[in-house]
PDB file of N, CA and C in Angstrom:
ATOM      1  N   MET A   1     169.284  40.385 259.812  1.00  0.00           N
ATOM      2  CA  MET A   1     170.779  40.894 260.103  1.00  0.00           C
ATOM      3  C   MET A   1     170.270  42.359 259.649  1.00  0.00           C
ATOM      4  N   ALA A   2     171.204  43.274 260.407  1.00  0.00           N
ATOM      5  CA  ALA A   2     171.064  44.617 260.136  1.00  0.00           C
ATOM      6  C   ALA A   2     171.933  45.039 258.897  1.00  0.00           C
ATOM      7  N   ARG A   3     172.074  46.111 258.634  1.00  0.00           N
ATOM      8  CA  ARG A   3     172.731  46.711 257.537  1.00  0.00           C
ATOM      9  C   ARG A   3     173.076  48.412 257.550  1.00  0.00           C
ATOM     10  N   ILE A   4     174.020  48.663 257.210  1.00  0.00           N
ATOM     11  CA  ILE A   4     174.425  50.249 257.262  1.00  0.00           C
ATOM     12  C   ILE A   4     173.457  50.614 256.148  1.00  0.00           C
ATOM     13  N   ARG A   5     172.561  51.859 256.045  1.00  0.00           N
ATOM     14  CA  ARG A   5     171.775  52.383 255.399  1.00  0.00           C
ATOM     15  C   ARG A   5     172.041  53.907 255.622  1.00  0.00           C
ATOM     16  N   THR A   6     171.981  54.720 254.345  1.00  0.00           N
ATOM     17  CA  THR A   6     172.013  55.998 254.368  1.00  0.00           C
ATOM     18  C   THR A   6     170.723  56.879 254.665  1.00  0.00           C
ATOM     19  N   ILE A   7     170.747  57.855 255.540  1.00  0.00           N
ATOM     20  CA  ILE A   7     169.503  58.568 255.696  1.00  0.00           C
ATOM     21  C   ILE A   7     169.948  59.902 255.111  1.00  0.00           C
ATOM     22  N   LYS A   8     168.901  60.589 254.213  1.00  0.00           N
ATOM     23  CA  LYS A   8     169.748  61.936 253.661  1.00  0.00           C
ATOM     24  C   LYS A   8     169.176  62.973 254.773  1.00  0.00           C
ATOM     25  N   PRO A   9     169.987  64.094 254.691  1.00  0.00           N
ATOM     26  CA  PRO A   9     169.738  65.196 255.742  1.00  0.00           C
ATOM     27  C   PRO A   9     167.937  65.779 255.312  1.00  0.00           C
ATOM     28  N   GLU A  10     167.590  65.613 254.398  1.00  0.00           N
ATOM     29  CA  GLU A  10     166.476  66.278 253.330  1.00  0.00           C
ATOM     30  C   GLU A  10     165.259  65.197 254.846  1.00  0.00           C
ATOM     31  N   PHE A  11     165.701  64.206 254.785  1.00  0.00           N
ATOM     32  CA  PHE A  11     164.465  63.208 255.753  1.00  0.00           C
ATOM     33  C   PHE A  11     164.299  64.058 257.246  1.00  0.00           C
ATOM     34  N   TRP A  12     165.177  64.967 257.717  1.00  0.00           N
ATOM     35  CA  TRP A  12     164.281  65.344 259.192  1.00  0.00           C
ATOM     36  C   TRP A  12     163.482  67.096 258.900  1.00  0.00           C
ATOM     37  N   SER A  13     163.435  67.191 257.788  1.00  0.00           N
ATOM     38  CA  SER A  13     162.731  68.143 257.114  1.00  0.00           C
ATOM     39  C   SER A  13     161.615  68.225 256.300  1.00  0.00           C
ATOM     40  N   ASP A  14     161.626  66.789 255.822  1.00  0.00           N
ATOM     41  CA  ASP A  14     160.530  66.421 254.549  1.00  0.00           C
ATOM     42  C   ASP A  14     158.995  66.968 255.482  1.00  0.00           C
ATOM     43  N   SER A  15     158.167  67.348 254.859  1.00  0.00           N
ATOM     44  CA  SER A  15     156.876  67.621 255.584  1.00  0.00           C
ATOM     45  C   SER A  15     155.898  66.563 255.610  1.00  0.00           C
ATOM     46  N   LYS A  16     156.307  65.273 254.661  1.00  0.00           N
ATOM     47  CA  LYS A  16     155.393  63.901 254.869  1.00  0.00           C
ATOM     48  C   LYS A  16     155.813  63.079 255.938  1.00  0.00           C
ATOM     49  N   ILE A  17     157.174  63.280 256.297  1.00  0.00           N
ATOM     50  CA  ILE A  17     157.770  62.299 257.472  1.00  0.00           C
ATOM     51  C   ILE A  17     157.604  63.432 258.671  1.00  0.00           C
ATOM     52  N   LEU A  18     157.147  64.340 259.069  1.00  0.00           N
ATOM     53  CA  LEU A  18     157.405  65.436 259.861  1.00  0.00           C
ATOM     54  C   LEU A  18     156.065  65.180 260.552  1.00  0.00           C
ATOM     55  N   ARG A  19     154.983  64.600 259.624  1.00  0.00           N
ATOM     56  CA  ARG A  19     153.583  64.438 259.768  1.00  0.00           C
ATOM     57  C   ARG A  19     153.507  63.416 261.288  1.00  0.00           C
ATOM     58  N   PHE A  20     154.343  62.389 260.863  1.00  0.00           N
ATOM     59  CA  PHE A  20     154.620  61.055 262.094  1.00  0.00           C
ATOM     60  C   PHE A  20     154.938  61.728 263.150  1.00  0.00           C
ATOM     61  N   SER A  21     154.422  60.716 263.943  1.00  0.00           N
ATOM     62  CA  SER A  21     155.543  60.822 265.341  1.00  0.00           C
ATOM     63  C   SER A  21     156.926  60.724 265.920  1.00  0.00           C
ATOM     64  N   ARG A  22     157.615  61.135 266.502  1.00  0.00           N
ATOM     65  CA  ARG A  22     158.495  61.127 266.684  1.00  0.00           C
ATOM     66  C   ARG A  22     159.292  59.182 266.824  1.00  0.00           C
ATOM     67  N   ASP A  23     158.266  58.536 267.431  1.00  0.00           N
ATOM     68  CA  ASP A  23     158.856  57.049 267.614  1.00  0.00           C
ATOM     69  C   ASP A  23     158.629  56.478 266.185  1.00  0.00           C
ATOM     70  N   CYS A  24     157.315  57.091 265.231  1.00  0.00           N
ATOM     71  CA  CYS A  24     157.225  56.309 263.584  1.00  0.00           C
ATOM     72  C   CYS A  24     158.553  56.984 262.991  1.00  0.00           C
ATOM     73  N   ARG A  25     158.815  57.872 263.126  1.00  0.00           N
ATOM     74  CA  ARG A  25     159.831  58.024 262.367  1.00  0.00           C
ATOM     75  C   ARG A  25     161.123  57.536 262.781  1.00  0.00           C
ATOM     76  N   LEU A  26     161.431  57.287 263.857  1.00  0.00           N
ATOM     77  CA  LEU A  26     162.560  56.369 264.345  1.00  0.00           C
ATOM     78  C   LEU A  26     162.634  54.892 263.681  1.00  0.00           C
ATOM     79  N   PHE A  27     161.091  54.594 263.965  1.00  0.00           N
ATOM     80  CA  PHE A  27     160.838  52.980 263.650  1.00  0.00           C
ATOM     81  C   PHE A  27     160.941  52.978 262.127  1.00  0.00           C
ATOM     82  N   TYR A  28     160.385  53.864 261.061  1.00  0.00           N
ATOM     83  CA  TYR A  28     160.813  54.276 259.630  1.00  0.00           C
ATOM     84  C   TYR A  28     162.162  53.875 259.384  1.00  0.00           C
ATOM     85  N   ILE A  29     163.101  54.402 260.236  1.00  0.00           N
ATOM     86  CA  ILE A  29     164.357  54.423 259.865  1.00  0.00           C
ATOM     87  C   ILE A  29     164.856  53.342 260.170  1.00  0.00           C
ATOM     88  N   ALA A  30     164.545  52.661 261.532  1.00  0.00           N
ATOM     89  CA  ALA A  30     164.595  51.316 261.913  1.00  0.00           C
ATOM     90  C   ALA A  30     164.327  50.004 260.283  1.00  0.00           C
ATOM     91  N   LEU A  31     163.120  50.200 259.819  1.00  0.00           N
ATOM     92  CA  LEU A  31     162.827  49.531 258.968  1.00  0.00           C
ATOM     93  C   LEU A  31     163.868  49.312 257.477  1.00  0.00           C
ATOM     94  N   TRP A  32     164.609  50.493 257.531  1.00  0.00           N
ATOM     95  CA  TRP A  32     165.674  50.830 256.749  1.00  0.00           C
ATOM     96  C   TRP A  32     166.662  49.787 256.868  1.00  0.00           C
ATOM     97  N   ASN A  33     167.070  50.099 257.929  1.00  0.00           N
ATOM     98  CA  ASN A  33     168.252  48.792 258.463  1.00  0.00           C
ATOM     99  C   ASN A  33     167.891  47.770 258.351  1.00  0.00           C
ATOM    100  N   PHE A  34     166.600  47.333 258.535  1.00  0.00           N
ATOM    101  CA  PHE A  34     166.614  45.378 258.654  1.00  0.00           C
ATOM    102  C   PHE A  34     166.040  45.468 257.033  1.00  0.00           C
ATOM    103  N   SER A  35     165.819  46.004 256.409  1.00  0.00           N
ATOM    104  CA  SER A  35     165.899  45.686 254.751  1.00  0.00           C
ATOM    105  C   SER A  35     166.425  44.934 254.221  1.00  0.00           C
ATOM    106  N   ASP A  36     166.123  44.118 253.387  1.00  0.00           N
ATOM    107  CA  ASP A  36     167.266  43.474 252.213  1.00  0.00           C
ATOM    108  C   ASP A  36     167.965  44.218 251.304  1.00  0.00           C
ATOM    109  N   ASP A  37     168.542  44.147 250.281  1.00  0.00           N
ATOM    110  CA  ASP A  37     168.983  45.174 249.418  1.00  0.00           C
ATOM    111  C   ASP A  37     168.160  45.414 248.049  1.00  0.00           C
ATOM    112  N   PHE A  38     166.816  45.212 248.551  1.00  0.00           N
ATOM    113  CA  PHE A  38     166.114  45.719 247.644  1.00  0.00           C
ATOM    114  C   PHE A  38     164.720  46.387 248.416  1.00  0.00           C
ATOM    115  N   GLY A  39     165.313  46.781 249.512  1.00  0.00           N
ATOM    116  CA  GLY A  39     164.048  47.333 250.578  1.00  0.00           C
ATOM    117  C   GLY A  39     162.816  46.782 250.783  1.00  0.00           C
ATOM    118  N   ARG A  40     162.701  45.755 250.881  1.00  0.00           N
ATOM    119  CA  ARG A  40     162.149  44.589 251.555  1.00  0.00           C
ATOM    120  C   ARG A  40     162.108  43.774 252.568  1.00  0.00           C
ATOM    121  N   GLY A  41     161.402  43.915 253.812  1.00  0.00           N
ATOM    122  CA  GLY A  41     161.588  42.623 254.727  1.00  0.00           C
ATOM    123  C   GLY A  41     160.225  42.401 255.705  1.00  0.00           C
ATOM    124  N   ARG A  42     160.384  41.815 256.816  1.00  0.00           N
ATOM    125  CA  ARG A  42     159.604  40.983 256.837  1.00  0.00           C
ATOM    126  C   ARG A  42     158.646  41.647 257.947  1.00  0.00           C
ATOM    127  N   ALA A  43     157.431  41.502 257.624  1.00  0.00           N
ATOM    128  CA  ALA A  43     156.490  42.581 259.226  1.00  0.00           C
ATOM    129  C   ALA A  43     155.860  41.921 260.182  1.00  0.00           C
ATOM    130  N   PHE A  44     156.748  41.115 260.338  1.00  0.00           N
ATOM    131  CA  PHE A  44     156.222  40.909 261.929  1.00  0.00           C
ATOM    132  C   PHE A  44     155.959  41.656 263.104  1.00  0.00           C
ATOM    133  N   PRO A  45     154.848  42.167 263.275  1.00  0.00           N
ATOM    134  CA  PRO A  45     155.110  43.746 264.305  1.00  0.00           C
ATOM    135  C   PRO A  45     155.677  42.912 265.510  1.00  0.00           C
ATOM    136  N   ARG A  46     155.625  42.026 266.281  1.00  0.00           N
ATOM    137  CA  ARG A  46     156.666  41.838 267.635  1.00  0.00           C
ATOM    138  C   ARG A  46     157.604  41.763 267.182  1.00  0.00           C
ATOM    139  N   GLU A  47     158.577  40.871 265.783  1.00  0.00           N
ATOM    140  CA  GLU A  47     159.715  40.969 265.456  1.00  0.00           C
ATOM    141  C   GLU A  47     160.281  42.402 265.462  1.00  0.00           C
ATOM    142  N   LEU A  48     159.493  42.836 264.588  1.00  0.00           N
ATOM    143  CA  LEU A  48     159.793  44.239 264.246  1.00  0.00           C
ATOM    144  C   LEU A  48     160.491  45.248 265.712  1.00  0.00           C
ATOM    145  N   LEU A  49     159.433  45.080 266.405  1.00  0.00           N
ATOM    146  CA  LEU A  49     159.540  45.613 267.914  1.00  0.00           C
ATOM    147  C   LEU A  49     160.651  45.495 268.402  1.00  0.00           C
ATOM    148  N   GLY A  50     160.978  44.315 268.284  1.00  0.00           N
ATOM    149  CA  GLY A  50     162.302  43.588 268.953  1.00  0.00           C
ATOM    150  C   GLY A  50     163.532  43.937 268.480  1.00  0.00           C
ATOM    151  N   PHE A  51     163.552  44.215 266.828  1.00  0.00           N
ATOM    152  CA  PHE A  51     164.545  44.974 266.326  1.00  0.00           C
ATOM    153  C   PHE A  51     164.487  46.473 266.473  1.00  0.00           C
ATOM    154  N   ALA A  52     163.567  46.976 266.617  1.00  0.00           N
ATOM    155  CA  ALA A  52     163.779  48.540 266.621  1.00  0.00           C
ATOM    156  C   ALA A  52     163.483  49.061 267.891  1.00  0.00           C
ATOM    157  N   PHE A  53     163.083  48.201 269.040  1.00  0.00           N
ATOM    158  CA  PHE A  53     162.860  49.161 270.269  1.00  0.00           C
ATOM    159  C   PHE A  53     163.178  47.863 271.347  1.00  0.00           C
ATOM    160  N   PRO A  54     164.129  47.236 271.344  1.00  0.00           N
ATOM    161  CA  PRO A  54     164.542  45.876 271.980  1.00  0.00           C
ATOM    162  C   PRO A  54     164.007  46.282 273.480  1.00  0.00           C
ATOM    163  N   CYS A  55     164.836  47.571 274.206  1.00  0.00           N
ATOM    164  CA  CYS A  55     164.736  47.732 275.644  1.00  0.00           C
ATOM    165  C   CYS A  55     163.438  48.504 276.020  1.00  0.00           C
ATOM    166  N   ASP A  56     162.769  49.026 274.858  1.00  0.00           N
ATOM    167  CA  ASP A  56     161.577  50.080 275.363  1.00  0.00           C
ATOM    168  C   ASP A  56     160.304  49.438 275.767  1.00  0.00           C
ATOM    169  N   GLU A  57     159.775  49.115 276.820  1.00  0.00           N
ATOM    170  CA  GLU A  57     158.740  48.356 277.615  1.00  0.00           C
ATOM    171  C   GLU A  57     157.768  49.360 277.384  1.00  0.00           C
ATOM    172  N   ASP A  58     157.565  50.581 277.297  1.00  0.00           N
ATOM    173  CA  ASP A  58     156.437  51.649 276.939  1.00  0.00           C
ATOM    174  C   ASP A  58     155.690  51.244 275.561  1.00  0.00           C
ATOM    175  N   ILE A  59     156.403  50.402 274.833  1.00  0.00           N
ATOM    176  CA  ILE A  59     156.090  50.122 272.965  1.00  0.00           C
ATOM    177  C   ILE A  59     155.575  48.969 273.173  1.00  0.00           C
ATOM    178  N   GLU A  60     154.513  48.554 272.417  1.00  0.00           N
ATOM    179  CA  GLU A  60     153.602  47.560 271.930  1.00  0.00           C
ATOM    180  C   GLU A  60     153.779  47.005 270.629  1.00  0.00           C
ATOM    181  N   THR A  61     153.028  46.002 270.460  1.00  0.00           N
ATOM    182  CA  THR A  61     153.020  45.791 268.973  1.00  0.00           C
ATOM    183  C   THR A  61     151.875  46.350 268.338  1.00  0.00           C
ATOM    184  N   ALA A  62     150.973  46.947 269.174  1.00  0.00           N
ATOM    185  CA  ALA A  62     149.877  47.795 269.143  1.00  0.00           C
ATOM    186  C   ALA A  62     150.184  49.000 268.342  1.00  0.00           C
ATOM    187  N   ASP A  63     151.409  49.453 268.656  1.00  0.00           N
ATOM    188  CA  ASP A  63     152.059  50.836 268.321  1.00  0.00           C
ATOM    189  C   ASP A  63     152.967  50.531 266.855  1.00  0.00           C
ATOM    190  N   VAL A  64     153.615  49.136 266.977  1.00  0.00           N
ATOM    191  CA  VAL A  64     153.964  48.998 265.418  1.00  0.00           C
ATOM    192  C   VAL A  64     153.083  48.670 264.252  1.00  0.00           C
ATOM    193  N   LYS A  65     152.082  47.985 264.486  1.00  0.00           N
ATOM    194  CA  LYS A  65     150.996  48.079 263.846  1.00  0.00           C
ATOM    195  C   LYS A  65     150.504  49.198 263.255  1.00  0.00           C
ATOM    196  N   ARG A  66     150.336  50.265 264.137  1.00  0.00           N
ATOM    197  CA  ARG A  66     149.613  51.410 263.853  1.00  0.00           C
ATOM    198  C   ARG A  66     150.412  52.309 262.844  1.00  0.00           C
ATOM    199  N   TRP A  67     151.906  52.164 263.463  1.00  0.00           N
ATOM    200  CA  TRP A  67     153.025  52.872 262.549  1.00  0.00           C
ATOM    201  C   TRP A  67     153.018  52.207 261.166  1.00  0.00           C
ATOM    202  N   LEU A  68     153.273  50.924 260.956  1.00  0.00           N
ATOM    203  CA  LEU A  68     153.147  50.146 259.554  1.00  0.00           C
ATOM    204  C   LEU A  68     151.763  50.587 258.675  1.00  0.00           C
ATOM    205  N   SER A  69     150.864  50.946 259.342  1.00  0.00           N
ATOM    206  CA  SER A  69     149.693  51.297 258.947  1.00  0.00           C
ATOM    207  C   SER A  69     149.745  53.034 258.310  1.00  0.00           C
ATOM    208  N   GLU A  70     150.469  53.786 259.186  1.00  0.00           N
ATOM    209  CA  GLU A  70     150.490  55.202 258.921  1.00  0.00           C
ATOM    210  C   GLU A  70     151.345  55.215 258.009  1.00  0.00           C
ATOM    211  N   LEU A  71     152.619  54.815 257.998  1.00  0.00           N
ATOM    212  CA  LEU A  71     153.441  54.339 256.933  1.00  0.00           C
ATOM    213  C   LEU A  71     153.369  53.891 255.183  1.00  0.00           C
ATOM    214  N   GLU A  72     151.881  53.027 255.771  1.00  0.00           N
ATOM    215  CA  GLU A  72     151.353  52.493 254.444  1.00  0.00           C
ATOM    216  C   GLU A  72     150.637  53.557 253.750  1.00  0.00           C
ATOM    217  N   GLN A  73     149.912  54.216 254.465  1.00  0.00           N
ATOM    218  CA  GLN A  73     148.638  55.468 254.413  1.00  0.00           C
ATOM    219  C   GLN A  73     149.535  56.650 253.517  1.00  0.00           C
ATOM    220  N   GLU A  74     150.847  56.829 254.033  1.00  0.00           N
ATOM    221  CA  GLU A  74     151.020  57.754 253.529  1.00  0.00           C
ATOM    222  C   GLU A  74     152.402  57.387 252.346  1.00  0.00           C
ATOM    223  N   ARG A  75     151.719  56.280 251.685  1.00  0.00           N
ATOM    224  CA  ARG A  75     152.515  55.515 250.681  1.00  0.00           C
ATOM    225  C   ARG A  75     154.339  55.759 250.833  1.00  0.00           C
ATOM    226  N   CYS A  76     154.678  55.723 252.358  1.00  0.00           N
ATOM    227  CA  CYS A  76     156.078  55.288 252.641  1.00  0.00           C
ATOM    228  C   CYS A  76     156.754  54.014 252.283  1.00  0.00           C
ATOM    229  N   ILE A  77     155.686  52.902 252.322  1.00  0.00           N
ATOM    230  CA  ILE A  77     156.129  51.608 252.141  1.00  0.00           C
ATOM    231  C   ILE A  77     154.801  50.923 251.799  1.00  0.00           C
ATOM    232  N   THR A  78     154.937  49.645 251.027  1.00  0.00           N
ATOM    233  CA  THR A  78     153.806  49.159 251.013  1.00  0.00           C
ATOM    234  C   THR A  78     153.528  47.513 251.749  1.00  0.00           C
ATOM    235  N   LEU A  79     152.321  47.288 252.295  1.00  0.00           N
ATOM    236  CA  LEU A  79     152.614  45.982 252.997  1.00  0.00           C
ATOM    237  C   LEU A  79     151.793  44.927 252.170  1.00  0.00           C
ATOM    238  N   TYR A  80     152.535  44.096 252.051  1.00  0.00           N
ATOM    239  CA  TYR A  80     151.894  42.778 251.074  1.00  0.00           C
ATOM    240  C   TYR A  80     152.287  41.092 251.937  1.00  0.00           C
ATOM    241  N   GLU A  81     151.553  40.257 251.542  1.00  0.00           N
ATOM    242  CA  GLU A  81     151.724  38.947 251.908  1.00  0.00           C
ATOM    243  C   GLU A  81     152.788  38.075 250.743  1.00  0.00           C
ATOM    244  N   ALA A  82     153.061  37.050 251.285  1.00  0.00           N
ATOM    245  CA  ALA A  82     154.096  36.241 250.485  1.00  0.00           C
ATOM    246  C   ALA A  82     154.061  34.641 251.157  1.00  0.00           C
ATOM    247  N   ASP A  83     153.531  33.911 250.904  1.00  0.00           N
ATOM    248  CA  ASP A  83     153.474  32.581 251.396  1.00  0.00           C
ATOM    249  C   ASP A  83     152.931  32.703 253.042  1.00  0.00           C
ATOM    250  N   GLY A  84     151.984  33.122 252.904  1.00  0.00           N
ATOM    251  CA  GLY A  84     150.966  33.651 254.226  1.00  0.00           C
ATOM    252  C   GLY A  84     151.545  34.526 255.239  1.00  0.00           C
ATOM    253  N   ALA A  85     153.170  34.565 255.041  1.00  0.00           N
ATOM    254  CA  ALA A  85     153.635  35.756 255.651  1.00  0.00           C
ATOM    255  C   ALA A  85     153.714  37.458 255.392  1.00  0.00           C
ATOM    256  N   PRO A  86     153.563  38.293 256.394  1.00  0.00           N
ATOM    257  CA  PRO A  86     153.684  39.524 255.816  1.00  0.00           C
ATOM    258  C   PRO A  86     154.690  40.073 255.739  1.00  0.00           C
ATOM    259  N   PHE A  87     155.250  41.312 254.731  1.00  0.00           N
ATOM    260  CA  PHE A  87     156.494  41.934 254.174  1.00  0.00           C
ATOM    261  C   PHE A  87     155.949  43.063 254.122  1.00  0.00           C
ATOM    262  N   TYR A  88     157.048  44.429 254.253  1.00  0.00           N
ATOM    263  CA  TYR A  88     156.841  45.775 253.909  1.00  0.00           C
ATOM    264  C   TYR A  88     158.214  45.716 252.638  1.00  0.00           C
ATOM    265  N   GLN A  89     157.535  46.881 251.908  1.00  0.00           N
ATOM    266  CA  GLN A  89     158.342  47.136 250.796  1.00  0.00           C
ATOM    267  C   GLN A  89     158.609  48.469 251.157  1.00  0.00           C
ATOM    268  N   ILE A  90     159.871  48.991 251.312  1.00  0.00           N
ATOM    269  CA  ILE A  90     160.206  50.636 251.381  1.00  0.00           C
ATOM    270  C   ILE A  90     159.861  51.095 249.772  1.00  0.00           C
ATOM    271  N   ASN A  91     159.197  52.081 249.754  1.00  0.00           N
ATOM    272  CA  ASN A  91     158.793  52.465 248.404  1.00  0.00           C
ATOM    273  C   ASN A  91     160.046  53.853 248.132  1.00  0.00           C
ATOM    274  N   HIS A  92     160.107  53.551 246.762  1.00  0.00           N
ATOM    275  CA  HIS A  92     161.208  54.296 246.182  1.00  0.00           C
ATOM    276  C   HIS A  92     162.376  54.444 246.599  1.00  0.00           C
ATOM    277  N   TRP A  93     162.919  52.532 246.945  1.00  0.00           N
ATOM    278  CA  TRP A  93     164.064  52.561 247.703  1.00  0.00           C
ATOM    279  C   TRP A  93     165.216  52.850 246.989  1.00  0.00           C
ATOM    280  N   GLU A  94     164.913  52.602 245.516  1.00  0.00           N
ATOM    281  CA  GLU A  94     166.322  52.916 244.660  1.00  0.00           C
ATOM    282  C   GLU A  94     166.732  53.940 244.407  1.00  0.00           C
ATOM    283  N   GLU A  95     165.877  55.063 245.079  1.00  0.00           N
ATOM    284  CA  GLU A  95     166.259  56.311 244.638  1.00  0.00           C
ATOM    285  C   GLU A  95     167.176  56.917 245.717  1.00  0.00           C
ATOM    286  N   HIS A  96     166.815  56.343 246.915  1.00  0.00           N
ATOM    287  CA  HIS A  96     167.563  56.679 248.295  1.00  0.00           C
ATOM    288  C   HIS A  96     168.583  55.742 248.633  1.00  0.00           C
ATOM    289  N   GLN A  97     168.674  54.747 248.095  1.00  0.00           N
ATOM    290  CA  GLN A  97     169.907  53.700 248.388  1.00  0.00           C
ATOM    291  C   GLN A  97     170.691  53.108 247.434  1.00  0.00           C
ATOM    292  N   LYS A  98     171.953  53.013 247.781  1.00  0.00           N
ATOM    293  CA  LYS A  98     172.697  52.610 246.673  1.00  0.00           C
ATOM    294  C   LYS A  98     173.578  51.390 247.255  1.00  0.00           C
ATOM    295  N   VAL A  99     172.969  50.200 247.155  1.00  0.00           N
ATOM    296  CA  VAL A  99     173.806  48.916 247.527  1.00  0.00           C
ATOM    297  C   VAL A  99     174.809  48.854 246.799  1.00  0.00           C
ATOM    298  N   ASP A 100     176.169  49.103 247.699  1.00  0.00           N
ATOM    299  CA  ASP A 100     177.536  48.475 247.231  1.00  0.00           C
ATOM    300  C   ASP A 100     178.158  47.208 246.772  1.00  0.00           C
ATOM    301  N   LYS A 101     177.514  46.460 248.033  1.00  0.00           N
ATOM    302  CA  LYS A 101     178.225  45.198 248.175  1.00  0.00           C
ATOM    303  C   LYS A 101     176.622  44.710 248.768  1.00  0.00           C
ATOM    304  N   PRO A 102     175.937  43.799 247.531  1.00  0.00           N
ATOM    305  CA  PRO A 102     174.891  43.476 248.151  1.00  0.00           C
ATOM    306  C   PRO A 102     175.336  41.749 248.518  1.00  0.00           C
TER     307      PRO A 102
END
């Protein structure tokens, strides 16, 4: 279930964020919307593709896998497994989001 999240104005000029492609930046914002109240979410590439880009036929699961890897390499997210399923954690979540109604 998607949630309302705040994206700070500094996001658009952050030098680390600007290294990513436009689509990767948009995907990163989508991860915020689909994260739980602790900044975690399921990291199944096909599922994330359907959430973030449901009508974009030019984007493939390989793109999502690449973006997840890029975001992890830059320490924006942490990828991990739990009970055999892939998950992501948005790093420093609590510094950027205040969940009023968990």
